[in-house]
Amino acid sequence: MAADKTYSDKEFKKIIQKHIDRIDFVKVNLEDDSSILGFIVKASDDFLMIEETNDFSLAGTKIVPYERVSGIRHGLSDKVSKMIYSKEGLIKLNQKIIKNTSLKDFEELFNSIRKQNFHCIVESKKKEEELFSIGEILEVNEKSVIIKNYSPVGKIDKKPRKINFKHIEIINFNDNYSVVFRKYIFE
């Protein structure tokens, strides 16, 4: 079954909640034709929180602004994937992270990630330029977040990166890349 935003907002949110309650494996389609496979674990009026999967493992937590979601697929292949995840004992959702991550607004979201001591990856787009930022959350206010960004070789940038919330497309944390890589960063 595929649900897209041709449903009323109220109906679409009911479908999302049903997938959360059932711990359904889904494909979340985004407005730019990209998608995320995994389990929707939490939702608000502004965000979807998804435990992303890759090759039959949980691959980290992605937060997507609700307005970027164009549809959700829960078809036969997704049902088979859930059955495999379930029979293999691979659905180990971290309830503490889910509970401690606020989806009220960007400011509370980033503060809640920082309080849990995670580095995060922020994918953003400014004037058609796609930006990838990874690092420690230094500061958060009502309009932006400042990340102590580091390069692909682990060198911390001299100047922290300021990201306006309006440019954010995806936030990722508790993923293997940022959890492991942070151990090897340097000034």
N, C-alpha and C. Protein backbone atom coordinates (compact mmCIF):
# COMPACT_ATOMS: atom_id res chain seq x y z
N MET A 1 0.84 -1.19 0.00
CA MET A 1 0.00 0.00 0.00
C MET A 1 0.88 1.24 0.00
N ALA A 2 0.62 2.15 -0.89
CA ALA A 2 1.37 3.40 -0.94
C ALA A 2 0.45 4.53 -0.52
N ALA A 3 0.95 5.37 0.36
CA ALA A 3 0.19 6.55 0.78
C ALA A 3 0.98 7.76 0.33
N ASP A 4 0.32 8.67 -0.33
CA ASP A 4 1.00 9.90 -0.67
C ASP A 4 0.16 11.08 -0.22
N LYS A 5 0.67 12.25 -0.47
CA LYS A 5 0.01 13.43 0.07
C LYS A 5 -1.24 13.82 -0.72
N THR A 6 -1.78 12.89 -1.52
CA THR A 6 -3.08 13.15 -2.12
C THR A 6 -4.16 12.91 -1.07
N TYR A 7 -3.80 12.19 -0.01
CA TYR A 7 -4.69 12.05 1.14
C TYR A 7 -4.76 13.40 1.85
N SER A 8 -5.80 13.61 2.62
CA SER A 8 -5.83 14.82 3.44
C SER A 8 -4.70 14.72 4.45
N ASP A 9 -4.26 15.83 4.97
CA ASP A 9 -3.17 15.84 5.95
C ASP A 9 -3.52 14.97 7.15
N LYS A 10 -4.77 15.05 7.59
CA LYS A 10 -5.22 14.26 8.75
C LYS A 10 -5.14 12.77 8.45
N GLU A 11 -5.61 12.35 7.25
CA GLU A 11 -5.56 10.94 6.87
C GLU A 11 -4.12 10.45 6.73
N PHE A 12 -3.26 11.29 6.13
CA PHE A 12 -1.86 10.93 5.93
C PHE A 12 -1.17 10.72 7.29
N LYS A 13 -1.45 11.59 8.23
CA LYS A 13 -0.85 11.46 9.57
C LYS A 13 -1.38 10.22 10.30
N LYS A 14 -2.63 9.85 10.05
CA LYS A 14 -3.18 8.61 10.63
C LYS A 14 -2.43 7.40 10.07
N ILE A 15 -2.14 7.42 8.78
CA ILE A 15 -1.41 6.33 8.13
C ILE A 15 0.00 6.24 8.73
N ILE A 16 0.65 7.38 8.92
CA ILE A 16 1.98 7.41 9.53
C ILE A 16 1.92 6.80 10.93
N GLN A 17 0.94 7.20 11.72
CA GLN A 17 0.82 6.67 13.09
C GLN A 17 0.58 5.17 13.08
N LYS A 18 -0.20 4.69 12.12
CA LYS A 18 -0.45 3.25 12.00
C LYS A 18 0.87 2.51 11.74
N HIS A 19 1.72 3.06 10.87
CA HIS A 19 3.01 2.44 10.59
C HIS A 19 3.92 2.46 11.83
N ILE A 20 3.85 3.51 12.61
CA ILE A 20 4.63 3.58 13.86
C ILE A 20 4.13 2.51 14.82
N ASP A 21 2.83 2.46 15.03
CA ASP A 21 2.24 1.51 15.98
C ASP A 21 2.53 0.06 15.61
N ARG A 22 2.52 -0.24 14.32
CA ARG A 22 2.75 -1.62 13.85
C ARG A 22 4.24 -1.95 13.67
N ILE A 23 5.09 -0.94 13.83
CA ILE A 23 6.52 -1.09 13.55
C ILE A 23 6.70 -1.64 12.13
N ASP A 24 6.03 -1.00 11.17
CA ASP A 24 6.09 -1.42 9.77
C ASP A 24 7.40 -0.97 9.12
N PHE A 25 7.93 -1.82 8.26
CA PHE A 25 9.05 -1.46 7.40
C PHE A 25 8.44 -0.69 6.24
N VAL A 26 8.97 0.51 5.95
CA VAL A 26 8.39 1.36 4.90
C VAL A 26 9.48 2.02 4.06
N LYS A 27 9.06 2.53 2.95
CA LYS A 27 9.91 3.38 2.11
C LYS A 27 9.30 4.78 2.17
N VAL A 28 10.04 5.72 2.74
CA VAL A 28 9.57 7.11 2.83
C VAL A 28 10.11 7.85 1.61
N ASN A 29 9.21 8.29 0.74
CA ASN A 29 9.60 9.02 -0.46
C ASN A 29 9.66 10.51 -0.15
N LEU A 30 10.71 11.15 -0.67
CA LEU A 30 10.90 12.57 -0.43
C LEU A 30 10.66 13.35 -1.72
N GLU A 31 10.46 14.65 -1.58
CA GLU A 31 10.07 15.49 -2.71
C GLU A 31 11.12 15.54 -3.82
N ASP A 32 12.38 15.24 -3.53
CA ASP A 32 13.44 15.30 -4.54
C ASP A 32 13.68 13.94 -5.20
N ASP A 33 12.71 13.04 -5.11
CA ASP A 33 12.78 11.69 -5.66
C ASP A 33 13.76 10.77 -4.94
N SER A 34 14.29 11.19 -3.81
CA SER A 34 15.10 10.29 -3.00
C SER A 34 14.16 9.58 -2.02
N SER A 35 14.70 8.60 -1.28
CA SER A 35 13.85 7.88 -0.34
C SER A 35 14.70 7.33 0.80
N ILE A 36 14.02 6.93 1.86
CA ILE A 36 14.65 6.33 3.03
C ILE A 36 13.89 5.06 3.35
N LEU A 37 14.62 3.95 3.48
CA LEU A 37 14.02 2.68 3.87
C LEU A 37 14.22 2.48 5.36
N GLY A 38 13.18 2.05 6.05
CA GLY A 38 13.33 1.78 7.47
C GLY A 38 12.01 1.78 8.21
N PHE A 39 12.11 2.11 9.50
CA PHE A 39 10.97 2.10 10.40
C PHE A 39 10.71 3.52 10.90
N ILE A 40 9.51 4.05 10.67
CA ILE A 40 9.16 5.35 11.24
C ILE A 40 8.94 5.11 12.73
N VAL A 41 9.67 5.84 13.58
CA VAL A 41 9.57 5.58 15.01
C VAL A 41 8.88 6.70 15.78
N LYS A 42 8.74 7.87 15.15
CA LYS A 42 8.12 9.01 15.83
C LYS A 42 7.74 10.04 14.78
N ALA A 43 6.71 10.81 15.07
CA ALA A 43 6.27 11.85 14.14
C ALA A 43 5.69 13.02 14.91
N SER A 44 5.78 14.19 14.29
CA SER A 44 5.14 15.39 14.82
C SER A 44 4.54 16.14 13.64
N ASP A 45 3.99 17.30 13.88
CA ASP A 45 3.47 18.09 12.77
C ASP A 45 4.58 18.56 11.84
N ASP A 46 5.82 18.61 12.36
CA ASP A 46 6.93 19.17 11.58
C ASP A 46 7.97 18.16 11.10
N PHE A 47 8.04 16.97 11.73
CA PHE A 47 9.11 16.04 11.41
C PHE A 47 8.66 14.58 11.42
N LEU A 48 9.40 13.76 10.66
CA LEU A 48 9.33 12.31 10.77
C LEU A 48 10.69 11.85 11.26
N MET A 49 10.69 10.92 12.21
CA MET A 49 11.92 10.31 12.72
C MET A 49 11.92 8.86 12.24
N ILE A 50 12.96 8.49 11.50
CA ILE A 50 13.01 7.19 10.85
C ILE A 50 14.28 6.47 11.29
N GLU A 51 14.14 5.22 11.68
CA GLU A 51 15.31 4.38 11.93
C GLU A 51 15.64 3.77 10.58
N GLU A 52 16.70 4.30 9.96
CA GLU A 52 17.07 3.87 8.61
C GLU A 52 17.68 2.48 8.64
N THR A 53 17.48 1.75 7.56
CA THR A 53 18.05 0.41 7.45
C THR A 53 18.94 0.32 6.23
N ASN A 54 19.86 -0.65 6.28
CA ASN A 54 20.73 -0.91 5.15
C ASN A 54 21.22 -2.35 5.27
N ASP A 55 21.01 -3.14 4.26
CA ASP A 55 21.49 -4.53 4.24
C ASP A 55 21.14 -5.28 5.53
N PHE A 56 19.91 -5.22 5.91
CA PHE A 56 19.40 -5.93 7.09
C PHE A 56 20.12 -5.54 8.38
N SER A 57 20.40 -4.25 8.50
CA SER A 57 20.87 -3.72 9.78
C SER A 57 20.29 -2.33 9.97
N LEU A 58 20.16 -1.91 11.22
CA LEU A 58 19.71 -0.56 11.52
C LEU A 58 20.91 0.35 11.31
N ALA A 59 20.71 1.43 10.56
CA ALA A 59 21.84 2.25 10.10
C ALA A 59 21.86 3.66 10.67
N GLY A 60 21.04 3.96 11.65
CA GLY A 60 21.04 5.30 12.22
C GLY A 60 19.68 5.94 12.16
N THR A 61 19.58 7.10 12.79
CA THR A 61 18.32 7.82 12.89
C THR A 61 18.33 9.00 11.94
N LYS A 62 17.31 9.08 11.11
CA LYS A 62 17.14 10.22 10.20
C LYS A 62 15.90 10.99 10.61
N ILE A 63 16.06 12.31 10.63
CA ILE A 63 14.93 13.21 10.88
C ILE A 63 14.70 14.00 9.59
N VAL A 64 13.47 13.97 9.11
CA VAL A 64 13.13 14.64 7.86
C VAL A 64 12.02 15.65 8.13
N PRO A 65 12.17 16.89 7.67
CA PRO A 65 11.05 17.83 7.78
C PRO A 65 9.82 17.24 7.07
N TYR A 66 8.70 17.28 7.75
CA TYR A 66 7.45 16.68 7.25
C TYR A 66 7.11 17.19 5.84
N GLU A 67 7.36 18.46 5.58
CA GLU A 67 7.02 19.06 4.28
C GLU A 67 7.79 18.42 3.12
N ARG A 68 8.90 17.74 3.39
CA ARG A 68 9.70 17.09 2.35
C ARG A 68 9.17 15.71 1.98
N VAL A 69 8.28 15.16 2.80
CA VAL A 69 7.76 13.81 2.56
C VAL A 69 6.68 13.88 1.49
N SER A 70 6.87 13.08 0.42
CA SER A 70 5.87 13.07 -0.65
C SER A 70 4.99 11.84 -0.61
N GLY A 71 5.46 10.79 0.09
CA GLY A 71 4.64 9.59 0.19
C GLY A 71 5.33 8.52 1.01
N ILE A 72 4.57 7.47 1.33
CA ILE A 72 5.10 6.35 2.09
C ILE A 72 4.60 5.07 1.43
N ARG A 73 5.55 4.17 1.17
CA ARG A 73 5.19 2.88 0.58
C ARG A 73 5.29 1.79 1.64
N HIS A 74 4.28 0.93 1.67
CA HIS A 74 4.32 -0.26 2.52
C HIS A 74 3.72 -1.39 1.69
N GLY A 75 4.53 -1.89 0.77
CA GLY A 75 4.06 -2.91 -0.15
C GLY A 75 4.54 -4.29 0.25
N LEU A 76 4.35 -5.25 -0.66
CA LEU A 76 4.70 -6.64 -0.39
C LEU A 76 6.19 -6.80 -0.06
N SER A 77 7.07 -6.14 -0.82
CA SER A 77 8.51 -6.26 -0.55
C SER A 77 8.86 -5.71 0.84
N ASP A 78 8.16 -4.65 1.26
CA ASP A 78 8.39 -4.07 2.59
C ASP A 78 7.91 -5.03 3.69
N LYS A 79 6.80 -5.70 3.43
CA LYS A 79 6.27 -6.67 4.40
C LYS A 79 7.23 -7.87 4.53
N VAL A 80 7.80 -8.29 3.40
CA VAL A 80 8.77 -9.38 3.43
C VAL A 80 10.03 -8.93 4.19
N SER A 81 10.48 -7.70 3.93
CA SER A 81 11.65 -7.17 4.65
C SER A 81 11.39 -7.15 6.15
N LYS A 82 10.21 -6.70 6.56
CA LYS A 82 9.91 -6.67 8.00
C LYS A 82 9.92 -8.09 8.58
N MET A 83 9.37 -9.03 7.84
CA MET A 83 9.35 -10.40 8.31
C MET A 83 10.78 -10.90 8.54
N ILE A 84 11.68 -10.59 7.61
CA ILE A 84 13.08 -11.01 7.74
C ILE A 84 13.73 -10.32 8.94
N TYR A 85 13.55 -9.01 9.05
CA TYR A 85 14.11 -8.27 10.20
C TYR A 85 13.61 -8.88 11.50
N SER A 86 12.32 -9.19 11.53
CA SER A 86 11.70 -9.74 12.74
C SER A 86 12.24 -11.13 13.07
N LYS A 87 12.24 -12.02 12.08
CA LYS A 87 12.71 -13.40 12.32
C LYS A 87 14.19 -13.46 12.67
N GLU A 88 14.96 -12.50 12.17
CA GLU A 88 16.40 -12.45 12.46
C GLU A 88 16.68 -11.70 13.77
N GLY A 89 15.65 -11.16 14.40
CA GLY A 89 15.84 -10.43 15.66
C GLY A 89 16.56 -9.11 15.48
N LEU A 90 16.36 -8.46 14.33
CA LEU A 90 17.11 -7.25 13.99
C LEU A 90 16.38 -5.95 14.31
N ILE A 91 15.14 -6.03 14.74
CA ILE A 91 14.39 -4.81 15.05
C ILE A 91 14.67 -4.46 16.51
N LYS A 92 15.72 -3.70 16.71
CA LYS A 92 16.12 -3.29 18.06
C LYS A 92 16.10 -1.77 18.12
N LEU A 93 14.92 -1.22 18.23
CA LEU A 93 14.76 0.24 18.25
C LEU A 93 15.14 0.76 19.63
N ASN A 94 15.96 1.78 19.67
CA ASN A 94 16.43 2.35 20.94
C ASN A 94 15.36 3.31 21.48
N GLN A 95 14.53 2.80 22.39
CA GLN A 95 13.42 3.59 22.93
C GLN A 95 13.91 4.82 23.69
N LYS A 96 15.09 4.74 24.30
CA LYS A 96 15.63 5.89 25.04
C LYS A 96 15.92 7.05 24.08
N ILE A 97 16.53 6.74 22.93
CA ILE A 97 16.80 7.78 21.93
C ILE A 97 15.50 8.33 21.38
N ILE A 98 14.54 7.46 21.10
CA ILE A 98 13.25 7.91 20.57
C ILE A 98 12.58 8.85 21.57
N LYS A 99 12.56 8.45 22.83
CA LYS A 99 11.91 9.25 23.88
C LYS A 99 12.63 10.59 24.09
N ASN A 100 13.97 10.58 24.04
CA ASN A 100 14.75 11.78 24.36
C ASN A 100 14.97 12.72 23.18
N THR A 101 14.44 12.39 22.02
CA THR A 101 14.59 13.25 20.85
C THR A 101 13.29 14.03 20.64
N SER A 102 13.39 15.34 20.77
CA SER A 102 12.22 16.20 20.61
C SER A 102 11.99 16.54 19.14
N LEU A 103 10.75 16.41 18.71
CA LEU A 103 10.38 16.78 17.34
C LEU A 103 9.49 18.03 17.32
N LYS A 104 9.55 18.81 18.40
CA LYS A 104 8.69 20.00 18.51
C LYS A 104 9.05 21.04 17.45
N ASP A 105 10.32 21.38 17.36
CA ASP A 105 10.81 22.33 16.36
C ASP A 105 12.32 22.09 16.20
N PHE A 106 12.93 22.77 15.24
CA PHE A 106 14.36 22.57 14.99
C PHE A 106 15.21 22.86 16.22
N GLU A 107 14.89 23.94 16.92
CA GLU A 107 15.69 24.32 18.08
C GLU A 107 15.69 23.22 19.14
N GLU A 108 14.52 22.73 19.50
CA GLU A 108 14.43 21.66 20.50
C GLU A 108 15.02 20.35 19.98
N LEU A 109 14.85 20.09 18.69
CA LEU A 109 15.41 18.88 18.09
C LEU A 109 16.93 18.86 18.25
N PHE A 110 17.61 19.92 17.82
CA PHE A 110 19.07 19.95 17.91
C PHE A 110 19.55 19.96 19.36
N ASN A 111 18.83 20.67 20.23
CA ASN A 111 19.20 20.64 21.65
C ASN A 111 19.07 19.23 22.23
N SER A 112 18.04 18.50 21.82
CA SER A 112 17.85 17.14 22.34
C SER A 112 18.93 16.19 21.81
N ILE A 113 19.37 16.38 20.58
CA ILE A 113 20.46 15.55 20.03
C ILE A 113 21.75 15.88 20.78
N ARG A 114 21.99 17.16 21.01
CA ARG A 114 23.20 17.57 21.73
C ARG A 114 23.22 17.01 23.16
N LYS A 115 22.08 17.07 23.85
CA LYS A 115 22.00 16.55 25.22
C LYS A 115 22.31 15.05 25.28
N GLN A 116 22.04 14.33 24.19
CA GLN A 116 22.33 12.90 24.14
C GLN A 116 23.78 12.62 23.71
N ASN A 117 24.54 13.69 23.51
CA ASN A 117 25.96 13.63 23.17
C ASN A 117 26.23 12.96 21.82
N PHE A 118 25.37 13.22 20.84
CA PHE A 118 25.61 12.71 19.49
C PHE A 118 26.19 13.81 18.62
N HIS A 119 27.10 13.44 17.72
CA HIS A 119 27.43 14.30 16.60
C HIS A 119 26.34 14.04 15.57
N CYS A 120 26.16 14.95 14.65
CA CYS A 120 25.12 14.72 13.65
C CYS A 120 25.61 15.09 12.27
N ILE A 121 24.91 14.59 11.30
CA ILE A 121 25.14 14.92 9.90
C ILE A 121 23.93 15.71 9.45
N VAL A 122 24.19 16.88 8.85
CA VAL A 122 23.10 17.71 8.36
C VAL A 122 23.27 17.89 6.86
N GLU A 123 22.27 17.47 6.11
CA GLU A 123 22.25 17.70 4.67
C GLU A 123 21.37 18.91 4.44
N SER A 124 21.95 19.91 3.76
CA SER A 124 21.20 21.14 3.52
C SER A 124 21.44 21.61 2.09
N LYS A 125 20.62 22.55 1.68
CA LYS A 125 20.71 23.07 0.32
C LYS A 125 20.56 24.59 0.39
N LYS A 126 21.55 25.29 -0.15
CA LYS A 126 21.50 26.75 -0.16
C LYS A 126 21.83 27.22 -1.57
N LYS A 127 20.88 27.92 -2.17
CA LYS A 127 21.04 28.41 -3.55
C LYS A 127 21.48 27.29 -4.49
N GLU A 128 20.77 26.18 -4.46
CA GLU A 128 21.02 25.01 -5.30
C GLU A 128 22.33 24.29 -4.99
N GLU A 129 23.10 24.76 -4.01
CA GLU A 129 24.32 24.07 -3.60
C GLU A 129 23.98 23.12 -2.45
N GLU A 130 24.31 21.85 -2.64
CA GLU A 130 24.05 20.86 -1.60
C GLU A 130 25.23 20.84 -0.64
N LEU A 131 24.94 20.93 0.65
CA LEU A 131 25.98 20.96 1.67
C LEU A 131 25.83 19.76 2.59
N PHE A 132 26.98 19.22 2.98
CA PHE A 132 27.04 18.09 3.90
C PHE A 132 27.88 18.57 5.08
N SER A 133 27.27 18.59 6.25
CA SER A 133 27.97 19.03 7.46
C SER A 133 27.93 17.90 8.46
N ILE A 134 29.06 17.67 9.14
CA ILE A 134 29.11 16.62 10.14
C ILE A 134 29.92 17.13 11.32
N GLY A 135 29.40 16.91 12.53
CA GLY A 135 30.17 17.29 13.70
C GLY A 135 29.31 17.51 14.93
N GLU A 136 29.99 18.09 15.90
CA GLU A 136 29.37 18.38 17.19
C GLU A 136 28.47 19.61 17.06
N ILE A 137 27.34 19.57 17.75
CA ILE A 137 26.44 20.72 17.79
C ILE A 137 26.98 21.67 18.84
N LEU A 138 27.39 22.87 18.40
CA LEU A 138 27.96 23.85 19.33
C LEU A 138 26.91 24.78 19.91
N GLU A 139 26.02 25.26 19.03
CA GLU A 139 25.06 26.28 19.43
C GLU A 139 23.77 26.12 18.64
N VAL A 140 22.67 26.46 19.28
CA VAL A 140 21.37 26.39 18.62
C VAL A 140 20.57 27.62 19.02
N ASN A 141 19.91 28.24 18.06
CA ASN A 141 18.96 29.31 18.39
C ASN A 141 17.68 29.08 17.59
N GLU A 142 16.80 30.04 17.58
CA GLU A 142 15.49 29.82 16.94
C GLU A 142 15.54 29.74 15.42
N LYS A 143 16.68 30.13 14.80
CA LYS A 143 16.76 30.13 13.34
C LYS A 143 17.85 29.25 12.74
N SER A 144 18.83 28.86 13.57
CA SER A 144 19.97 28.13 13.01
C SER A 144 20.67 27.26 14.04
N VAL A 145 21.57 26.42 13.50
CA VAL A 145 22.42 25.57 14.33
C VAL A 145 23.86 25.81 13.88
N ILE A 146 24.78 25.75 14.83
CA ILE A 146 26.20 25.87 14.51
C ILE A 146 26.86 24.53 14.80
N ILE A 147 27.49 23.98 13.76
CA ILE A 147 28.14 22.67 13.82
C ILE A 147 29.65 22.86 13.76
N LYS A 148 30.36 22.15 14.63
CA LYS A 148 31.82 22.11 14.58
C LYS A 148 32.18 21.07 13.53
N ASN A 149 32.16 21.48 12.28
CA ASN A 149 32.28 20.58 11.13
C ASN A 149 33.70 20.02 10.99
N TYR A 150 33.79 18.77 10.54
CA TYR A 150 35.10 18.21 10.21
C TYR A 150 35.08 17.62 8.81
N SER A 151 36.28 17.57 8.23
CA SER A 151 36.44 17.13 6.85
C SER A 151 36.44 15.61 6.74
N PRO A 152 36.44 15.10 5.50
CA PRO A 152 36.47 13.64 5.30
C PRO A 152 37.75 12.97 5.82
N VAL A 153 38.78 13.76 6.15
CA VAL A 153 39.99 13.18 6.73
C VAL A 153 40.01 13.34 8.24
N GLY A 154 38.95 13.96 8.81
CA GLY A 154 38.84 14.08 10.25
C GLY A 154 39.36 15.38 10.83
N LYS A 155 39.78 16.31 9.97
CA LYS A 155 40.30 17.59 10.45
C LYS A 155 39.13 18.54 10.72
N ILE A 156 39.13 19.11 11.93
CA ILE A 156 38.07 20.05 12.30
C ILE A 156 38.30 21.37 11.57
N ASP A 157 37.24 21.90 10.95
CA ASP A 157 37.33 23.19 10.26
C ASP A 157 37.71 24.29 11.25
N LYS A 158 38.45 25.28 10.75
CA LYS A 158 38.85 26.40 11.62
C LYS A 158 37.62 27.18 12.11
N LYS A 159 36.65 27.32 11.22
CA LYS A 159 35.45 28.09 11.56
C LYS A 159 34.23 27.15 11.58
N PRO A 160 33.46 27.16 12.67
CA PRO A 160 32.25 26.33 12.71
C PRO A 160 31.27 26.72 11.60
N ARG A 161 30.42 25.81 11.23
CA ARG A 161 29.47 26.03 10.14
C ARG A 161 28.09 26.37 10.69
N LYS A 162 27.55 27.49 10.25
CA LYS A 162 26.20 27.91 10.64
C LYS A 162 25.23 27.47 9.55
N ILE A 163 24.16 26.78 9.98
CA ILE A 163 23.17 26.26 9.03
C ILE A 163 21.80 26.80 9.42
N ASN A 164 21.19 27.55 8.51
CA ASN A 164 19.83 28.04 8.74
C ASN A 164 18.85 26.88 8.63
N PHE A 165 17.91 26.84 9.55
CA PHE A 165 16.93 25.75 9.56
C PHE A 165 16.18 25.65 8.24
N LYS A 166 15.90 26.78 7.60
CA LYS A 166 15.11 26.75 6.36
C LYS A 166 15.82 26.03 5.22
N HIS A 167 17.14 25.80 5.34
CA HIS A 167 17.90 25.11 4.30
C HIS A 167 18.07 23.60 4.57
N ILE A 168 17.65 23.14 5.74
CA ILE A 168 17.89 21.75 6.14
C ILE A 168 16.95 20.79 5.43
N GLU A 169 17.55 19.71 4.89
CA GLU A 169 16.77 18.68 4.21
C GLU A 169 16.69 17.40 5.03
N ILE A 170 17.80 16.99 5.65
CA ILE A 170 17.82 15.76 6.45
C ILE A 170 18.83 15.93 7.59
N ILE A 171 18.49 15.38 8.75
CA ILE A 171 19.40 15.33 9.90
C ILE A 171 19.59 13.86 10.22
N ASN A 172 20.84 13.47 10.42
CA ASN A 172 21.17 12.08 10.68
C ASN A 172 22.02 12.02 11.94
N PHE A 173 21.73 11.09 12.83
CA PHE A 173 22.57 10.88 14.01
C PHE A 173 22.43 9.44 14.47
N ASN A 174 23.30 9.04 15.40
CA ASN A 174 23.35 7.67 15.90
C ASN A 174 23.61 6.67 14.77
N ASP A 175 24.33 7.12 13.75
CA ASP A 175 24.71 6.26 12.63
C ASP A 175 26.17 5.84 12.83
N ASN A 176 26.56 4.73 12.23
CA ASN A 176 27.92 4.23 12.41
C ASN A 176 28.97 5.25 11.97
N TYR A 177 28.72 5.95 10.89
CA TYR A 177 29.71 6.89 10.37
C TYR A 177 30.06 7.97 11.40
N SER A 178 29.04 8.68 11.91
CA SER A 178 29.33 9.77 12.85
C SER A 178 29.74 9.26 14.23
N VAL A 179 29.24 8.11 14.65
CA VAL A 179 29.60 7.56 15.96
C VAL A 179 31.06 7.10 15.98
N VAL A 180 31.49 6.42 14.91
CA VAL A 180 32.87 5.93 14.87
C VAL A 180 33.84 7.03 14.48
N PHE A 181 33.52 7.80 13.46
CA PHE A 181 34.46 8.80 12.92
C PHE A 181 34.84 9.85 13.96
N ARG A 182 33.93 10.22 14.85
CA ARG A 182 34.20 11.26 15.85
C ARG A 182 35.38 10.91 16.74
N LYS A 183 35.69 9.62 16.88
CA LYS A 183 36.82 9.18 17.71
C LYS A 183 38.16 9.57 17.08
N TYR A 184 38.17 9.89 15.80
CA TYR A 184 39.42 10.10 15.06
C TYR A 184 39.58 11.52 14.51
N ILE A 185 38.79 12.45 15.00
CA ILE A 185 38.91 13.83 14.51
C ILE A 185 40.05 14.55 15.24
N PHE A 186 40.59 15.57 14.58
CA PHE A 186 41.69 16.33 15.16
C PHE A 186 41.61 17.79 14.73
N GLU A 187 42.33 18.66 15.48
CA GLU A 187 42.33 20.11 15.18
C GLU A 187 43.27 20.40 14.02
